[in-house]
Every structure is written in C-alpha cells, then in structure tokens.
Amino acid sequence: MSLAQAWHFPDLVAYARMAQANLWRQKAKYKQAYDEYSVALNIARQKKIRRLEAESLSGIARWAIDLGDSEVARQKAVECLQIANEFQLGLHQTIGLIVLGKAMILAKKE
C-alpha cells in the first residue's frame, strides 16, 4: 500500500484498504474493518470509481450483518445494488442481492 501512496495511485490504495478491511472483518476486528471500508468508500466516491464504491458498500453491509444490524446491512446492500445496476456491474449485482438476502433473513430473526 505504501508504494501506491508514494506513487499517487489512490485507486490502488483504496483496493488495498478493501483487502485489509476484509481481513480485519474475518478476524472479528470490526472497528478496524469499518475504518478501512470507510476510507475505501470515500476514495471511491471522490475518484468516481463505481466498482470500488459498490464493493465498499457490500463490505459495510457484510460488516453490519456480522454485528447483527439488519437495517444498516439492508441500506448498504440496496445502495450497492443501485450502483451495480446503474453501471451494469454484473458481479456486484449478484453480491448485492446475496448480501441483501442475508440482511432480510437477519431482520426476520430479530
């Protein structure tokens, strides 16, 4: 990540942060994971990298599911789907639907 920062490649920095966020989430270090997802999302929005924005939103949705927050998970999954549909990001459409389904199942259990 430091090489990407040194050479001013914010998109590579954001993708590296996504990888780090996923690792933190798998290790149940939720505060660190959320921080990394947020930075990646901010970079994606600033640089208008829609694929990364959709990926960041689905990551936050999965993070919310892990914490049992179905409402945040649903909101972020829907945002992910809106972007994925608008820009025809097929894989992210599928991921968004899966995450939305998991959020709805979680909401039903609550």
N, C-alpha and C. Protein backbone atom coordinates (compact mmCIF):
# COMPACT_ATOMS: atom_id res chain seq x y z
N MET A 1 0.83 -1.19 0.00
CA MET A 1 0.00 0.00 0.00
C MET A 1 0.87 1.25 0.00
N SER A 2 2.01 1.22 0.68
CA SER A 2 2.85 2.41 0.76
C SER A 2 3.42 2.80 -0.61
N LEU A 3 3.70 1.81 -1.47
CA LEU A 3 4.19 2.13 -2.82
C LEU A 3 3.12 2.86 -3.62
N ALA A 4 1.88 2.40 -3.49
CA ALA A 4 0.78 3.05 -4.20
C ALA A 4 0.60 4.48 -3.71
N GLN A 5 0.75 4.69 -2.39
CA GLN A 5 0.63 6.03 -1.86
C GLN A 5 1.78 6.91 -2.35
N ALA A 6 2.99 6.34 -2.35
CA ALA A 6 4.16 7.11 -2.77
C ALA A 6 4.07 7.53 -4.23
N TRP A 7 3.49 6.68 -5.07
CA TRP A 7 3.38 6.99 -6.48
C TRP A 7 2.05 7.64 -6.84
N HIS A 8 1.25 7.96 -5.83
CA HIS A 8 -0.01 8.68 -6.03
C HIS A 8 -1.01 7.90 -6.87
N PHE A 9 -1.26 6.68 -6.48
CA PHE A 9 -2.28 5.85 -7.12
C PHE A 9 -3.39 5.59 -6.10
N PRO A 10 -4.31 6.54 -5.93
CA PRO A 10 -5.34 6.39 -4.89
C PRO A 10 -6.25 5.19 -5.12
N ASP A 11 -6.45 4.78 -6.37
CA ASP A 11 -7.30 3.62 -6.60
C ASP A 11 -6.65 2.36 -6.05
N LEU A 12 -5.34 2.21 -6.23
CA LEU A 12 -4.65 1.05 -5.68
C LEU A 12 -4.66 1.07 -4.16
N VAL A 13 -4.52 2.26 -3.59
CA VAL A 13 -4.58 2.41 -2.13
C VAL A 13 -5.96 1.94 -1.64
N ALA A 14 -7.00 2.37 -2.33
CA ALA A 14 -8.36 2.01 -1.91
C ALA A 14 -8.60 0.50 -2.02
N TYR A 15 -8.12 -0.11 -3.10
CA TYR A 15 -8.29 -1.57 -3.24
C TYR A 15 -7.49 -2.31 -2.18
N ALA A 16 -6.32 -1.81 -1.83
CA ALA A 16 -5.53 -2.42 -0.75
C ALA A 16 -6.27 -2.28 0.58
N ARG A 17 -6.91 -1.15 0.78
CA ARG A 17 -7.69 -0.95 2.01
C ARG A 17 -8.88 -1.91 2.07
N MET A 18 -9.48 -2.18 0.91
CA MET A 18 -10.59 -3.15 0.88
C MET A 18 -10.09 -4.53 1.30
N ALA A 19 -8.94 -4.92 0.80
CA ALA A 19 -8.37 -6.22 1.17
C ALA A 19 -8.09 -6.26 2.67
N GLN A 20 -7.54 -5.17 3.19
CA GLN A 20 -7.25 -5.11 4.62
C GLN A 20 -8.54 -5.14 5.43
N ALA A 21 -9.57 -4.44 4.97
CA ALA A 21 -10.86 -4.43 5.67
C ALA A 21 -11.46 -5.83 5.72
N ASN A 22 -11.39 -6.54 4.60
CA ASN A 22 -11.92 -7.91 4.58
C ASN A 22 -11.17 -8.81 5.56
N LEU A 23 -9.87 -8.62 5.64
CA LEU A 23 -9.06 -9.40 6.58
C LEU A 23 -9.45 -9.07 8.02
N TRP A 24 -9.59 -7.78 8.33
CA TRP A 24 -9.99 -7.39 9.69
C TRP A 24 -11.37 -7.96 10.04
N ARG A 25 -12.29 -7.93 9.07
CA ARG A 25 -13.63 -8.45 9.34
C ARG A 25 -13.59 -9.95 9.62
N GLN A 26 -12.78 -10.68 8.87
CA GLN A 26 -12.65 -12.12 9.10
C GLN A 26 -12.04 -12.42 10.46
N LYS A 27 -11.19 -11.53 10.94
CA LYS A 27 -10.55 -11.71 12.25
C LYS A 27 -11.39 -11.12 13.38
N ALA A 28 -12.61 -10.66 13.06
CA ALA A 28 -13.55 -10.07 14.01
C ALA A 28 -13.00 -8.80 14.66
N LYS A 29 -12.19 -8.06 13.92
CA LYS A 29 -11.71 -6.75 14.39
C LYS A 29 -12.55 -5.70 13.66
N TYR A 30 -13.76 -5.54 14.19
CA TYR A 30 -14.78 -4.80 13.46
C TYR A 30 -14.53 -3.30 13.37
N LYS A 31 -13.95 -2.70 14.38
CA LYS A 31 -13.65 -1.26 14.33
C LYS A 31 -12.64 -0.98 13.22
N GLN A 32 -11.57 -1.76 13.18
CA GLN A 32 -10.56 -1.57 12.14
C GLN A 32 -11.14 -1.83 10.75
N ALA A 33 -11.97 -2.85 10.65
CA ALA A 33 -12.60 -3.18 9.36
C ALA A 33 -13.45 -2.02 8.87
N TYR A 34 -14.28 -1.47 9.76
CA TYR A 34 -15.15 -0.37 9.36
C TYR A 34 -14.33 0.84 8.93
N ASP A 35 -13.27 1.13 9.66
CA ASP A 35 -12.42 2.27 9.30
C ASP A 35 -11.85 2.11 7.89
N GLU A 36 -11.38 0.91 7.57
CA GLU A 36 -10.81 0.67 6.24
C GLU A 36 -11.88 0.74 5.15
N TYR A 37 -13.06 0.15 5.41
CA TYR A 37 -14.15 0.23 4.44
C TYR A 37 -14.53 1.69 4.18
N SER A 38 -14.57 2.49 5.24
CA SER A 38 -14.96 3.89 5.11
C SER A 38 -13.96 4.67 4.26
N VAL A 39 -12.67 4.45 4.49
CA VAL A 39 -11.65 5.14 3.70
C VAL A 39 -11.77 4.73 2.23
N ALA A 40 -11.92 3.44 1.98
CA ALA A 40 -12.06 2.96 0.60
C ALA A 40 -13.30 3.57 -0.06
N LEU A 41 -14.40 3.64 0.68
CA LEU A 41 -15.63 4.22 0.14
C LEU A 41 -15.44 5.71 -0.18
N ASN A 42 -14.78 6.42 0.70
CA ASN A 42 -14.54 7.85 0.45
C ASN A 42 -13.68 8.07 -0.78
N ILE A 43 -12.62 7.29 -0.92
CA ILE A 43 -11.77 7.40 -2.11
C ILE A 43 -12.57 7.07 -3.37
N ALA A 44 -13.36 6.00 -3.30
CA ALA A 44 -14.15 5.59 -4.46
C ALA A 44 -15.11 6.71 -4.88
N ARG A 45 -15.73 7.35 -3.93
CA ARG A 45 -16.67 8.42 -4.26
C ARG A 45 -15.95 9.65 -4.80
N GLN A 46 -14.80 9.99 -4.20
CA GLN A 46 -14.03 11.15 -4.68
C GLN A 46 -13.53 10.95 -6.10
N LYS A 47 -13.04 9.75 -6.39
CA LYS A 47 -12.45 9.46 -7.70
C LYS A 47 -13.46 8.88 -8.69
N LYS A 48 -14.71 8.72 -8.22
CA LYS A 48 -15.79 8.18 -9.06
C LYS A 48 -15.47 6.80 -9.63
N ILE A 49 -14.98 5.94 -8.75
CA ILE A 49 -14.68 4.55 -9.11
C ILE A 49 -15.87 3.72 -8.64
N ARG A 50 -16.85 3.55 -9.51
CA ARG A 50 -18.13 2.95 -9.12
C ARG A 50 -18.00 1.49 -8.69
N ARG A 51 -17.15 0.73 -9.33
CA ARG A 51 -16.97 -0.67 -8.95
C ARG A 51 -16.47 -0.76 -7.50
N LEU A 52 -15.51 0.06 -7.16
CA LEU A 52 -14.96 0.09 -5.81
C LEU A 52 -16.00 0.60 -4.82
N GLU A 53 -16.81 1.56 -5.23
CA GLU A 53 -17.87 2.07 -4.37
C GLU A 53 -18.87 0.95 -4.04
N ALA A 54 -19.27 0.20 -5.05
CA ALA A 54 -20.19 -0.91 -4.83
C ALA A 54 -19.57 -1.97 -3.92
N GLU A 55 -18.29 -2.26 -4.15
CA GLU A 55 -17.59 -3.24 -3.32
C GLU A 55 -17.49 -2.78 -1.87
N SER A 56 -17.21 -1.50 -1.67
CA SER A 56 -17.12 -0.95 -0.32
C SER A 56 -18.47 -1.02 0.40
N LEU A 57 -19.52 -0.68 -0.32
CA LEU A 57 -20.86 -0.73 0.28
C LEU A 57 -21.26 -2.16 0.64
N SER A 58 -20.94 -3.11 -0.21
CA SER A 58 -21.27 -4.51 0.13
C SER A 58 -20.42 -4.98 1.30
N GLY A 59 -19.20 -4.50 1.39
CA GLY A 59 -18.36 -4.83 2.54
C GLY A 59 -18.93 -4.30 3.84
N ILE A 60 -19.40 -3.06 3.81
CA ILE A 60 -20.02 -2.48 5.00
C ILE A 60 -21.30 -3.24 5.35
N ALA A 61 -22.04 -3.65 4.34
CA ALA A 61 -23.26 -4.43 4.58
C ALA A 61 -22.92 -5.77 5.25
N ARG A 62 -21.88 -6.45 4.77
CA ARG A 62 -21.46 -7.72 5.39
C ARG A 62 -20.97 -7.49 6.81
N TRP A 63 -20.27 -6.37 7.02
CA TRP A 63 -19.81 -5.99 8.35
C TRP A 63 -21.02 -5.82 9.29
N ALA A 64 -22.05 -5.14 8.82
CA ALA A 64 -23.25 -4.92 9.63
C ALA A 64 -23.95 -6.25 9.94
N ILE A 65 -23.97 -7.15 8.98
CA ILE A 65 -24.57 -8.47 9.23
C ILE A 65 -23.81 -9.19 10.32
N ASP A 66 -22.48 -9.14 10.27
CA ASP A 66 -21.67 -9.77 11.31
C ASP A 66 -21.99 -9.21 12.69
N LEU A 67 -22.33 -7.92 12.75
CA LEU A 67 -22.66 -7.28 14.03
C LEU A 67 -24.15 -7.39 14.38
N GLY A 68 -24.94 -7.99 13.50
CA GLY A 68 -26.36 -8.18 13.78
C GLY A 68 -27.23 -6.97 13.50
N ASP A 69 -26.75 -6.03 12.71
CA ASP A 69 -27.51 -4.82 12.40
C ASP A 69 -28.15 -4.95 11.01
N SER A 70 -29.35 -5.48 10.98
CA SER A 70 -30.01 -5.76 9.70
C SER A 70 -30.38 -4.49 8.94
N GLU A 71 -30.69 -3.42 9.65
CA GLU A 71 -31.12 -2.19 8.97
C GLU A 71 -29.96 -1.55 8.20
N VAL A 72 -28.82 -1.42 8.83
CA VAL A 72 -27.65 -0.86 8.13
C VAL A 72 -27.26 -1.79 6.98
N ALA A 73 -27.28 -3.07 7.23
CA ALA A 73 -26.94 -4.05 6.19
C ALA A 73 -27.87 -3.90 4.99
N ARG A 74 -29.15 -3.76 5.24
CA ARG A 74 -30.12 -3.60 4.16
C ARG A 74 -29.87 -2.31 3.38
N GLN A 75 -29.66 -1.21 4.10
CA GLN A 75 -29.44 0.08 3.44
C GLN A 75 -28.20 0.05 2.54
N LYS A 76 -27.12 -0.50 3.06
CA LYS A 76 -25.88 -0.52 2.28
C LYS A 76 -25.98 -1.50 1.10
N ALA A 77 -26.67 -2.61 1.29
CA ALA A 77 -26.86 -3.57 0.20
C ALA A 77 -27.69 -2.95 -0.92
N VAL A 78 -28.70 -2.19 -0.56
CA VAL A 78 -29.53 -1.52 -1.57
C VAL A 78 -28.72 -0.46 -2.30
N GLU A 79 -27.89 0.30 -1.58
CA GLU A 79 -27.02 1.28 -2.23
C GLU A 79 -26.07 0.59 -3.22
N CYS A 80 -25.51 -0.52 -2.78
CA CYS A 80 -24.62 -1.31 -3.64
C CYS A 80 -25.36 -1.74 -4.90
N LEU A 81 -26.57 -2.25 -4.74
CA LEU A 81 -27.36 -2.70 -5.89
C LEU A 81 -27.70 -1.56 -6.84
N GLN A 82 -28.00 -0.41 -6.30
CA GLN A 82 -28.33 0.74 -7.16
C GLN A 82 -27.15 1.10 -8.06
N ILE A 83 -25.96 1.15 -7.47
CA ILE A 83 -24.77 1.47 -8.25
C ILE A 83 -24.48 0.35 -9.25
N ALA A 84 -24.55 -0.89 -8.79
CA ALA A 84 -24.25 -2.03 -9.66
C ALA A 84 -25.23 -2.09 -10.84
N ASN A 85 -26.49 -1.81 -10.59
CA ASN A 85 -27.48 -1.82 -11.67
C ASN A 85 -27.26 -0.65 -12.64
N GLU A 86 -26.98 0.52 -12.09
CA GLU A 86 -26.80 1.70 -12.93
C GLU A 86 -25.62 1.55 -13.88
N PHE A 87 -24.55 0.93 -13.39
CA PHE A 87 -23.34 0.81 -14.20
C PHE A 87 -23.12 -0.60 -14.74
N GLN A 88 -24.15 -1.44 -14.64
CA GLN A 88 -24.13 -2.80 -15.16
C GLN A 88 -22.91 -3.59 -14.68
N LEU A 89 -22.73 -3.59 -13.38
CA LEU A 89 -21.63 -4.33 -12.75
C LEU A 89 -22.18 -5.68 -12.30
N GLY A 90 -22.16 -6.64 -13.21
CA GLY A 90 -22.83 -7.93 -13.02
C GLY A 90 -22.46 -8.64 -11.73
N LEU A 91 -21.17 -8.78 -11.45
CA LEU A 91 -20.74 -9.48 -10.24
C LEU A 91 -21.25 -8.77 -8.99
N HIS A 92 -21.19 -7.44 -8.99
CA HIS A 92 -21.64 -6.69 -7.82
C HIS A 92 -23.16 -6.70 -7.70
N GLN A 93 -23.87 -6.89 -8.81
CA GLN A 93 -25.32 -7.07 -8.73
C GLN A 93 -25.62 -8.36 -7.96
N THR A 94 -24.90 -9.41 -8.30
CA THR A 94 -25.10 -10.70 -7.63
C THR A 94 -24.72 -10.61 -6.16
N ILE A 95 -23.57 -10.01 -5.88
CA ILE A 95 -23.12 -9.87 -4.49
C ILE A 95 -24.12 -9.04 -3.70
N GLY A 96 -24.59 -7.95 -4.29
CA GLY A 96 -25.57 -7.11 -3.61
C GLY A 96 -26.85 -7.85 -3.28
N LEU A 97 -27.31 -8.69 -4.21
CA LEU A 97 -28.52 -9.47 -3.95
C LEU A 97 -28.31 -10.49 -2.83
N ILE A 98 -27.16 -11.13 -2.83
CA ILE A 98 -26.86 -12.11 -1.77
C ILE A 98 -26.81 -11.43 -0.41
N VAL A 99 -26.11 -10.29 -0.35
CA VAL A 99 -26.00 -9.58 0.93
C VAL A 99 -27.35 -9.06 1.38
N LEU A 100 -28.15 -8.56 0.43
CA LEU A 100 -29.50 -8.09 0.77
C LEU A 100 -30.34 -9.24 1.31
N GLY A 101 -30.24 -10.39 0.68
CA GLY A 101 -30.97 -11.58 1.18
C GLY A 101 -30.55 -11.95 2.58
N LYS A 102 -29.25 -11.92 2.87
CA LYS A 102 -28.77 -12.23 4.22
C LYS A 102 -29.28 -11.21 5.23
N ALA A 103 -29.33 -9.93 4.81
CA ALA A 103 -29.85 -8.89 5.70
C ALA A 103 -31.33 -9.11 6.01
N MET A 104 -32.08 -9.52 5.00
CA MET A 104 -33.51 -9.77 5.20
C MET A 104 -33.74 -10.96 6.10
N ILE A 105 -32.93 -12.00 5.94
CA ILE A 105 -33.03 -13.16 6.83
C ILE A 105 -32.71 -12.75 8.27
N LEU A 106 -31.68 -11.93 8.43
CA LEU A 106 -31.32 -11.44 9.76
C LEU A 106 -32.45 -10.62 10.36
N ALA A 107 -33.08 -9.77 9.55
CA ALA A 107 -34.18 -8.94 10.04
C ALA A 107 -35.37 -9.80 10.48
N LYS A 108 -35.61 -10.89 9.74
CA LYS A 108 -36.71 -11.77 10.10
C LYS A 108 -36.46 -12.47 11.45
N LYS A 109 -35.20 -12.75 11.74
CA LYS A 109 -34.85 -13.41 13.01
C LYS A 109 -34.98 -12.47 14.20
N GLU A 110 -34.88 -11.15 13.94
CA GLU A 110 -34.90 -10.17 15.05
C GLU A 110 -36.27 -10.00 15.61
